């Protein structure tokens, strides 16, 4: 659940950054970006599988490249349902969907879940820690530690 929440925030941050990176795409506020990320997540869960099944022959014919077009369609539909989002044309929605998909993929790849805890894949590579006691003490014949 925590990973899903962070993925939602990353998608919203990406959507909020897109107007600065491309023309023809505008988002009014952070709340609008959060709403668009939520609607996009719901439509990716509900509408996208239906579109994939309906266009399966064409997707096979294009060796899966049509899935990028479906991504653009889902992004465009979700942008049209949230007020405060302006998408100039389908080309803009397609490019924005590519950017959001890429950032979402990088986030999903860089975060792993093991044993109920979430870890970043980017860990500092260094020398492994020594195993054993941190301080080497010995007990003398009187029972004192030296």
N, C-alpha and C. Protein backbone atom coordinates (compact mmCIF):
# COMPACT_ATOMS: atom_id res chain seq x y z
N UNK A 1 0.82 -1.18 0.00
CA UNK A 1 0.00 0.00 0.00
C UNK A 1 0.88 1.27 0.00
N UNK A 2 1.99 1.21 0.74
CA UNK A 2 2.90 2.35 0.79
C UNK A 2 3.55 2.56 -0.58
N UNK A 3 3.90 1.46 -1.24
CA UNK A 3 4.52 1.57 -2.57
C UNK A 3 3.54 2.19 -3.56
N UNK A 4 2.28 1.79 -3.48
CA UNK A 4 1.25 2.35 -4.36
C UNK A 4 1.09 3.85 -4.12
N UNK A 5 1.11 4.25 -2.86
CA UNK A 5 1.01 5.67 -2.51
C UNK A 5 2.17 6.47 -3.09
N UNK A 6 3.39 5.94 -2.94
CA UNK A 6 4.55 6.64 -3.47
C UNK A 6 4.54 6.67 -4.99
N UNK A 7 4.05 5.61 -5.61
CA UNK A 7 3.96 5.60 -7.07
C UNK A 7 2.96 6.67 -7.55
N UNK A 8 1.88 6.82 -6.81
CA UNK A 8 0.89 7.85 -7.13
C UNK A 8 1.51 9.24 -7.02
N UNK A 9 2.29 9.46 -5.96
CA UNK A 9 2.96 10.75 -5.79
C UNK A 9 3.99 11.01 -6.88
N UNK A 10 4.72 9.97 -7.28
CA UNK A 10 5.71 10.13 -8.35
C UNK A 10 5.02 10.45 -9.67
N UNK A 11 3.90 9.78 -9.95
CA UNK A 11 3.15 10.09 -11.17
C UNK A 11 2.64 11.53 -11.15
N UNK A 12 2.15 11.98 -10.00
CA UNK A 12 1.65 13.35 -9.88
C UNK A 12 2.80 14.35 -10.07
N UNK A 13 3.95 14.05 -9.50
CA UNK A 13 5.10 14.95 -9.67
C UNK A 13 5.54 15.00 -11.13
N UNK A 14 5.49 13.86 -11.80
CA UNK A 14 5.84 13.82 -13.23
C UNK A 14 4.85 14.65 -14.04
N UNK A 15 3.57 14.49 -13.74
CA UNK A 15 2.53 15.24 -14.44
C UNK A 15 2.70 16.73 -14.19
N UNK A 16 3.09 17.09 -12.97
CA UNK A 16 3.30 18.50 -12.63
C UNK A 16 4.52 19.08 -13.35
N UNK A 17 5.50 18.23 -13.64
CA UNK A 17 6.72 18.69 -14.32
C UNK A 17 6.55 18.76 -15.83
N UNK A 18 5.62 18.02 -16.39
CA UNK A 18 5.48 17.95 -17.85
C UNK A 18 5.23 19.29 -18.54
N UNK A 19 4.42 20.19 -18.00
CA UNK A 19 4.24 21.48 -18.70
C UNK A 19 5.53 22.27 -18.86
N UNK A 20 6.51 22.03 -18.00
CA UNK A 20 7.79 22.72 -18.12
C UNK A 20 8.70 22.07 -19.16
N UNK A 21 8.38 20.84 -19.54
CA UNK A 21 9.21 20.09 -20.47
C UNK A 21 8.66 20.05 -21.89
N UNK A 22 7.36 20.30 -22.05
CA UNK A 22 6.75 20.19 -23.37
C UNK A 22 5.66 21.25 -23.53
N UNK A 23 5.38 21.58 -24.77
CA UNK A 23 4.32 22.54 -25.04
C UNK A 23 3.02 21.81 -25.32
N UNK A 24 1.91 22.49 -25.12
CA UNK A 24 0.61 21.91 -25.41
C UNK A 24 0.02 21.13 -24.26
N UNK A 25 0.65 21.18 -23.09
CA UNK A 25 0.16 20.46 -21.93
C UNK A 25 0.21 21.40 -20.73
N UNK A 26 -0.93 21.56 -20.07
CA UNK A 26 -1.00 22.45 -18.91
C UNK A 26 -1.74 21.78 -17.77
N UNK A 27 -1.24 22.02 -16.55
CA UNK A 27 -1.88 21.53 -15.32
C UNK A 27 -1.99 22.73 -14.39
N UNK A 28 -3.18 22.96 -13.84
CA UNK A 28 -3.40 24.17 -13.04
C UNK A 28 -2.71 24.13 -11.68
N UNK A 29 -2.75 22.98 -10.98
CA UNK A 29 -2.25 22.96 -9.61
C UNK A 29 -1.79 21.56 -9.23
N UNK A 30 -1.24 21.48 -8.03
CA UNK A 30 -0.83 20.18 -7.49
C UNK A 30 -2.03 19.27 -7.30
N UNK A 31 -3.14 19.83 -6.84
CA UNK A 31 -4.36 19.04 -6.66
C UNK A 31 -4.85 18.45 -7.97
N UNK A 32 -4.75 19.22 -9.03
CA UNK A 32 -5.14 18.74 -10.35
C UNK A 32 -4.22 17.61 -10.81
N UNK A 33 -2.92 17.74 -10.54
CA UNK A 33 -1.97 16.69 -10.91
C UNK A 33 -2.24 15.42 -10.11
N UNK A 34 -2.56 15.57 -8.82
CA UNK A 34 -2.90 14.39 -8.00
C UNK A 34 -4.17 13.71 -8.52
N UNK A 35 -5.17 14.53 -8.89
CA UNK A 35 -6.42 13.97 -9.43
C UNK A 35 -6.17 13.26 -10.75
N UNK A 36 -5.36 13.86 -11.62
CA UNK A 36 -5.06 13.24 -12.91
C UNK A 36 -4.30 11.92 -12.71
N UNK A 37 -3.37 11.90 -11.77
CA UNK A 37 -2.65 10.66 -11.49
C UNK A 37 -3.58 9.58 -10.98
N UNK A 38 -4.55 9.96 -10.15
CA UNK A 38 -5.52 8.99 -9.64
C UNK A 38 -6.42 8.46 -10.76
N UNK A 39 -6.95 9.37 -11.58
CA UNK A 39 -7.81 8.95 -12.70
C UNK A 39 -7.02 8.10 -13.69
N UNK A 40 -5.77 8.47 -13.94
CA UNK A 40 -4.93 7.70 -14.85
C UNK A 40 -4.69 6.29 -14.31
N UNK A 41 -4.46 6.18 -13.02
CA UNK A 41 -4.28 4.86 -12.41
C UNK A 41 -5.53 4.00 -12.50
N UNK A 42 -6.68 4.61 -12.26
CA UNK A 42 -7.95 3.86 -12.35
C UNK A 42 -8.22 3.43 -13.79
N UNK A 43 -8.04 4.34 -14.75
CA UNK A 43 -8.29 3.98 -16.15
C UNK A 43 -7.27 2.96 -16.66
N UNK A 44 -6.03 3.02 -16.18
CA UNK A 44 -5.05 1.99 -16.55
C UNK A 44 -5.44 0.63 -16.01
N UNK A 45 -6.16 0.62 -14.90
CA UNK A 45 -6.60 -0.65 -14.32
C UNK A 45 -7.86 -1.18 -14.98
N UNK A 46 -8.78 -0.28 -15.36
CA UNK A 46 -10.08 -0.70 -15.88
C UNK A 46 -10.15 -0.66 -17.41
N UNK A 47 -9.84 0.48 -18.00
CA UNK A 47 -10.05 0.68 -19.44
C UNK A 47 -8.94 0.07 -20.30
N UNK A 48 -7.71 0.18 -19.86
CA UNK A 48 -6.59 -0.27 -20.68
C UNK A 48 -6.66 -1.76 -21.01
N UNK A 49 -6.94 -2.66 -20.04
CA UNK A 49 -7.04 -4.08 -20.42
C UNK A 49 -8.14 -4.36 -21.45
N UNK A 50 -9.25 -3.62 -21.35
CA UNK A 50 -10.33 -3.78 -22.32
C UNK A 50 -9.88 -3.35 -23.71
N UNK A 51 -9.17 -2.22 -23.80
CA UNK A 51 -8.66 -1.76 -25.09
C UNK A 51 -7.61 -2.71 -25.66
N UNK A 52 -6.80 -3.29 -24.80
CA UNK A 52 -5.78 -4.24 -25.26
C UNK A 52 -6.45 -5.46 -25.87
N UNK A 53 -7.49 -5.97 -25.23
CA UNK A 53 -8.19 -7.14 -25.77
C UNK A 53 -8.90 -6.81 -27.08
N UNK A 54 -9.54 -5.65 -27.14
CA UNK A 54 -10.27 -5.27 -28.35
C UNK A 54 -9.35 -5.04 -29.55
N UNK A 55 -8.13 -4.59 -29.29
CA UNK A 55 -7.21 -4.28 -30.38
C UNK A 55 -6.10 -5.33 -30.50
N UNK A 56 -6.32 -6.49 -29.96
CA UNK A 56 -5.28 -7.52 -29.95
C UNK A 56 -4.76 -7.88 -31.34
N UNK A 57 -5.63 -8.08 -32.34
CA UNK A 57 -5.09 -8.40 -33.68
C UNK A 57 -4.15 -7.31 -34.22
N UNK A 58 -4.55 -6.05 -34.03
CA UNK A 58 -3.72 -4.94 -34.51
C UNK A 58 -2.43 -4.83 -33.70
N UNK A 59 -2.52 -5.13 -32.41
CA UNK A 59 -1.32 -5.10 -31.56
C UNK A 59 -0.34 -6.19 -31.98
N UNK A 60 -0.85 -7.35 -32.31
CA UNK A 60 0.01 -8.44 -32.79
C UNK A 60 0.62 -8.08 -34.14
N UNK A 61 -0.19 -7.48 -35.00
CA UNK A 61 0.28 -7.09 -36.33
C UNK A 61 1.41 -6.05 -36.25
N UNK A 62 1.37 -5.18 -35.25
CA UNK A 62 2.39 -4.15 -35.10
C UNK A 62 3.48 -4.56 -34.09
N UNK A 63 3.51 -5.84 -33.75
CA UNK A 63 4.51 -6.37 -32.82
C UNK A 63 4.50 -5.65 -31.47
N UNK A 64 3.31 -5.27 -31.01
CA UNK A 64 3.16 -4.65 -29.69
C UNK A 64 3.32 -3.16 -29.65
N UNK A 65 3.72 -2.54 -30.76
CA UNK A 65 3.91 -1.09 -30.76
C UNK A 65 2.60 -0.32 -30.58
N UNK A 66 1.48 -0.95 -30.92
CA UNK A 66 0.19 -0.28 -30.77
C UNK A 66 -0.15 -0.07 -29.29
N UNK A 67 0.51 -0.80 -28.40
CA UNK A 67 0.29 -0.60 -26.96
C UNK A 67 0.66 0.82 -26.53
N UNK A 68 1.64 1.42 -27.21
CA UNK A 68 2.00 2.81 -26.90
C UNK A 68 0.88 3.76 -27.30
N UNK A 69 0.20 3.44 -28.39
CA UNK A 69 -0.95 4.26 -28.81
C UNK A 69 -2.08 4.12 -27.80
N UNK A 70 -2.30 2.91 -27.30
CA UNK A 70 -3.33 2.70 -26.27
C UNK A 70 -2.98 3.50 -25.02
N UNK A 71 -1.70 3.52 -24.67
CA UNK A 71 -1.26 4.34 -23.53
C UNK A 71 -1.63 5.81 -23.75
N UNK A 72 -1.39 6.30 -24.95
CA UNK A 72 -1.73 7.69 -25.27
C UNK A 72 -3.22 7.94 -25.21
N UNK A 73 -4.01 6.99 -25.68
CA UNK A 73 -5.47 7.12 -25.63
C UNK A 73 -5.95 7.19 -24.19
N UNK A 74 -5.43 6.31 -23.34
CA UNK A 74 -5.84 6.30 -21.93
C UNK A 74 -5.42 7.61 -21.25
N UNK A 75 -4.25 8.11 -21.57
CA UNK A 75 -3.80 9.38 -20.99
C UNK A 75 -4.70 10.52 -21.47
N UNK A 76 -5.02 10.54 -22.74
CA UNK A 76 -5.85 11.60 -23.29
C UNK A 76 -7.25 11.58 -22.68
N UNK A 77 -7.84 10.38 -22.54
CA UNK A 77 -9.17 10.26 -21.93
C UNK A 77 -9.13 10.72 -20.48
N UNK A 78 -8.11 10.32 -19.74
CA UNK A 78 -8.04 10.74 -18.34
C UNK A 78 -7.81 12.24 -18.22
N UNK A 79 -7.05 12.83 -19.13
CA UNK A 79 -6.84 14.28 -19.10
C UNK A 79 -8.13 15.03 -19.44
N UNK A 80 -8.97 14.45 -20.28
CA UNK A 80 -10.24 15.09 -20.62
C UNK A 80 -11.25 15.00 -19.49
N UNK A 81 -11.11 14.04 -18.59
CA UNK A 81 -12.08 13.88 -17.50
C UNK A 81 -11.75 14.74 -16.29
N UNK A 82 -10.52 15.21 -16.17
CA UNK A 82 -10.12 16.03 -15.01
C UNK A 82 -10.11 17.49 -15.44
N UNK A 83 -10.87 18.32 -14.73
CA UNK A 83 -10.87 19.74 -15.06
C UNK A 83 -9.58 20.37 -14.54
N UNK A 84 -9.07 21.33 -15.28
CA UNK A 84 -7.83 21.98 -14.92
C UNK A 84 -6.63 21.41 -15.66
N UNK A 85 -6.89 20.46 -16.57
CA UNK A 85 -5.82 19.88 -17.39
C UNK A 85 -6.13 20.21 -18.84
N UNK A 86 -5.14 20.74 -19.54
CA UNK A 86 -5.30 21.06 -20.96
C UNK A 86 -4.28 20.27 -21.76
N UNK A 87 -4.79 19.48 -22.71
CA UNK A 87 -3.94 18.74 -23.64
C UNK A 87 -4.32 19.21 -25.04
N UNK A 88 -3.36 19.77 -25.75
CA UNK A 88 -3.63 20.39 -27.04
C UNK A 88 -4.13 19.38 -28.09
N UNK A 89 -3.45 18.23 -28.21
CA UNK A 89 -3.84 17.25 -29.23
C UNK A 89 -3.37 15.85 -28.79
N UNK A 90 -3.65 14.87 -29.64
CA UNK A 90 -3.28 13.50 -29.29
C UNK A 90 -1.77 13.32 -29.25
N UNK A 91 -1.06 14.01 -30.10
CA UNK A 91 0.41 13.90 -30.10
C UNK A 91 0.97 14.29 -28.75
N UNK A 92 0.45 15.36 -28.18
CA UNK A 92 0.88 15.80 -26.86
C UNK A 92 0.54 14.76 -25.80
N UNK A 93 -0.66 14.20 -25.87
CA UNK A 93 -1.05 13.16 -24.92
C UNK A 93 -0.17 11.93 -25.07
N UNK A 94 0.17 11.59 -26.30
CA UNK A 94 1.03 10.43 -26.55
C UNK A 94 2.41 10.64 -25.95
N UNK A 95 3.01 11.82 -26.18
CA UNK A 95 4.33 12.11 -25.63
C UNK A 95 4.31 12.19 -24.10
N UNK A 96 3.25 12.77 -23.56
CA UNK A 96 3.11 12.83 -22.10
C UNK A 96 2.96 11.44 -21.51
N UNK A 97 2.22 10.57 -22.19
CA UNK A 97 2.07 9.20 -21.69
C UNK A 97 3.39 8.45 -21.73
N UNK A 98 4.21 8.72 -22.73
CA UNK A 98 5.54 8.10 -22.78
C UNK A 98 6.39 8.55 -21.59
N UNK A 99 6.34 9.84 -21.28
CA UNK A 99 7.13 10.35 -20.16
C UNK A 99 6.65 9.77 -18.84
N UNK A 100 5.35 9.75 -18.63
CA UNK A 100 4.80 9.20 -17.38
C UNK A 100 5.10 7.71 -17.28
N UNK A 101 4.99 6.99 -18.38
CA UNK A 101 5.29 5.56 -18.38
C UNK A 101 6.75 5.30 -18.06
N UNK A 102 7.64 6.10 -18.62
CA UNK A 102 9.07 5.92 -18.37
C UNK A 102 9.40 6.17 -16.90
N UNK A 103 8.91 7.27 -16.35
CA UNK A 103 9.20 7.58 -14.94
C UNK A 103 8.58 6.53 -14.03
N UNK A 104 7.38 6.07 -14.36
CA UNK A 104 6.73 5.03 -13.55
C UNK A 104 7.52 3.73 -13.62
N UNK A 105 8.04 3.40 -14.80
CA UNK A 105 8.84 2.19 -14.94
C UNK A 105 10.13 2.29 -14.13
N UNK A 106 10.80 3.43 -14.19
CA UNK A 106 12.03 3.61 -13.42
C UNK A 106 11.74 3.51 -11.93
N UNK A 107 10.64 4.10 -11.47
CA UNK A 107 10.28 4.02 -10.06
C UNK A 107 9.99 2.57 -9.67
N UNK A 108 9.21 1.87 -10.48
CA UNK A 108 8.87 0.47 -10.17
C UNK A 108 10.12 -0.41 -10.16
N UNK A 109 11.06 -0.12 -11.04
CA UNK A 109 12.30 -0.91 -11.09
C UNK A 109 13.21 -0.61 -9.90
N UNK A 110 13.24 0.64 -9.47
CA UNK A 110 14.19 1.03 -8.43
C UNK A 110 13.72 0.72 -7.01
N UNK A 111 12.47 0.39 -6.84
CA UNK A 111 11.94 0.08 -5.52
C UNK A 111 11.60 -1.40 -5.48
N UNK A 112 12.13 -2.09 -4.47
CA UNK A 112 11.81 -3.50 -4.32
C UNK A 112 11.21 -3.75 -2.95
N UNK A 113 10.44 -4.80 -2.85
CA UNK A 113 9.79 -5.12 -1.59
C UNK A 113 10.21 -6.52 -1.17
N UNK A 114 10.78 -6.61 0.01
CA UNK A 114 11.19 -7.90 0.56
C UNK A 114 10.78 -7.98 2.01
N UNK A 115 10.11 -9.04 2.37
CA UNK A 115 9.75 -9.25 3.76
C UNK A 115 8.89 -8.15 4.35
N UNK A 116 8.02 -7.56 3.56
CA UNK A 116 7.14 -6.52 4.05
C UNK A 116 7.78 -5.15 4.15
N UNK A 117 9.05 -5.02 3.78
CA UNK A 117 9.74 -3.74 3.83
C UNK A 117 10.10 -3.30 2.41
N UNK A 118 10.16 -1.99 2.21
CA UNK A 118 10.48 -1.44 0.91
C UNK A 118 11.92 -0.95 0.91
N UNK A 119 12.66 -1.35 -0.13
CA UNK A 119 14.06 -0.99 -0.25
C UNK A 119 14.31 -0.33 -1.60
N UNK A 120 15.30 0.55 -1.66
CA UNK A 120 15.78 1.11 -2.92
C UNK A 120 16.82 0.18 -3.49
N UNK A 121 16.79 -0.03 -4.77
CA UNK A 121 17.81 -0.86 -5.42
C UNK A 121 19.18 -0.20 -5.42
N UNK A 122 19.20 1.12 -5.34
CA UNK A 122 20.45 1.86 -5.39
C UNK A 122 21.05 1.92 -3.99
N UNK A 123 21.81 0.93 -3.67
CA UNK A 123 22.46 0.90 -2.37
C UNK A 123 23.93 1.21 -2.55
N UNK A 124 24.53 1.79 -1.55
CA UNK A 124 25.93 2.14 -1.61
C UNK A 124 26.76 0.87 -1.66
N UNK A 125 27.56 0.78 -2.69
CA UNK A 125 28.42 -0.38 -2.84
C UNK A 125 29.74 -0.10 -2.13
N UNK A 126 30.04 -0.87 -1.13
CA UNK A 126 31.27 -0.67 -0.38
C UNK A 126 31.79 -2.00 0.11
N UNK A 127 32.71 -1.92 1.01
CA UNK A 127 33.25 -3.16 1.56
C UNK A 127 32.22 -3.74 2.52
N UNK A 128 32.07 -5.04 2.48
CA UNK A 128 31.10 -5.64 3.39
C UNK A 128 31.57 -5.50 4.83
N UNK A 129 30.62 -5.38 5.72
CA UNK A 129 30.95 -5.22 7.13
C UNK A 129 31.55 -6.52 7.67
N UNK A 130 32.50 -6.37 8.58
CA UNK A 130 33.11 -7.53 9.21
C UNK A 130 32.10 -8.20 10.12
N UNK A 131 32.13 -9.49 10.11
CA UNK A 131 31.26 -10.21 11.03
C UNK A 131 32.07 -10.57 12.26
N UNK A 132 31.45 -10.53 13.37
CA UNK A 132 32.14 -10.84 14.61
C UNK A 132 31.98 -9.71 15.59
N UNK A 133 32.68 -9.79 16.69
CA UNK A 133 32.51 -8.76 17.72
C UNK A 133 33.06 -7.42 17.27
N UNK A 134 32.41 -6.37 17.74
CA UNK A 134 32.85 -5.02 17.40
C UNK A 134 34.09 -4.65 18.20
N UNK A 135 34.18 -5.13 19.44
CA UNK A 135 35.33 -4.87 20.30
C UNK A 135 35.86 -6.22 20.77
N UNK A 136 37.13 -6.43 20.61
CA UNK A 136 37.73 -7.70 20.99
C UNK A 136 38.20 -7.61 22.45
N UNK A 137 37.46 -8.22 23.35
CA UNK A 137 37.80 -8.22 24.77
C UNK A 137 38.15 -9.63 25.23
N UNK A 138 39.01 -9.70 26.20
CA UNK A 138 39.36 -10.98 26.79
C UNK A 138 39.16 -10.89 28.29
N UNK A 139 38.82 -12.01 28.85
CA UNK A 139 38.62 -12.07 30.30
C UNK A 139 39.87 -12.67 30.93
N UNK A 140 40.42 -11.96 31.94
CA UNK A 140 41.62 -12.49 32.61
C UNK A 140 41.21 -13.47 33.70
N UNK A 141 42.22 -13.98 34.43
CA UNK A 141 41.97 -15.02 35.45
C UNK A 141 41.14 -14.49 36.62
N UNK A 142 41.15 -13.19 36.87
CA UNK A 142 40.35 -12.65 37.96
C UNK A 142 38.91 -12.37 37.55
N UNK A 143 38.60 -12.56 36.28
CA UNK A 143 37.23 -12.33 35.80
C UNK A 143 37.00 -10.94 35.25
N UNK A 144 38.06 -10.14 35.20
CA UNK A 144 37.95 -8.80 34.67
C UNK A 144 38.14 -8.82 33.15
N UNK A 145 37.45 -7.94 32.48
CA UNK A 145 37.56 -7.84 31.03
C UNK A 145 38.64 -6.83 30.67
N UNK A 146 39.55 -7.24 29.81
CA UNK A 146 40.63 -6.34 29.39
C UNK A 146 40.69 -6.24 27.90
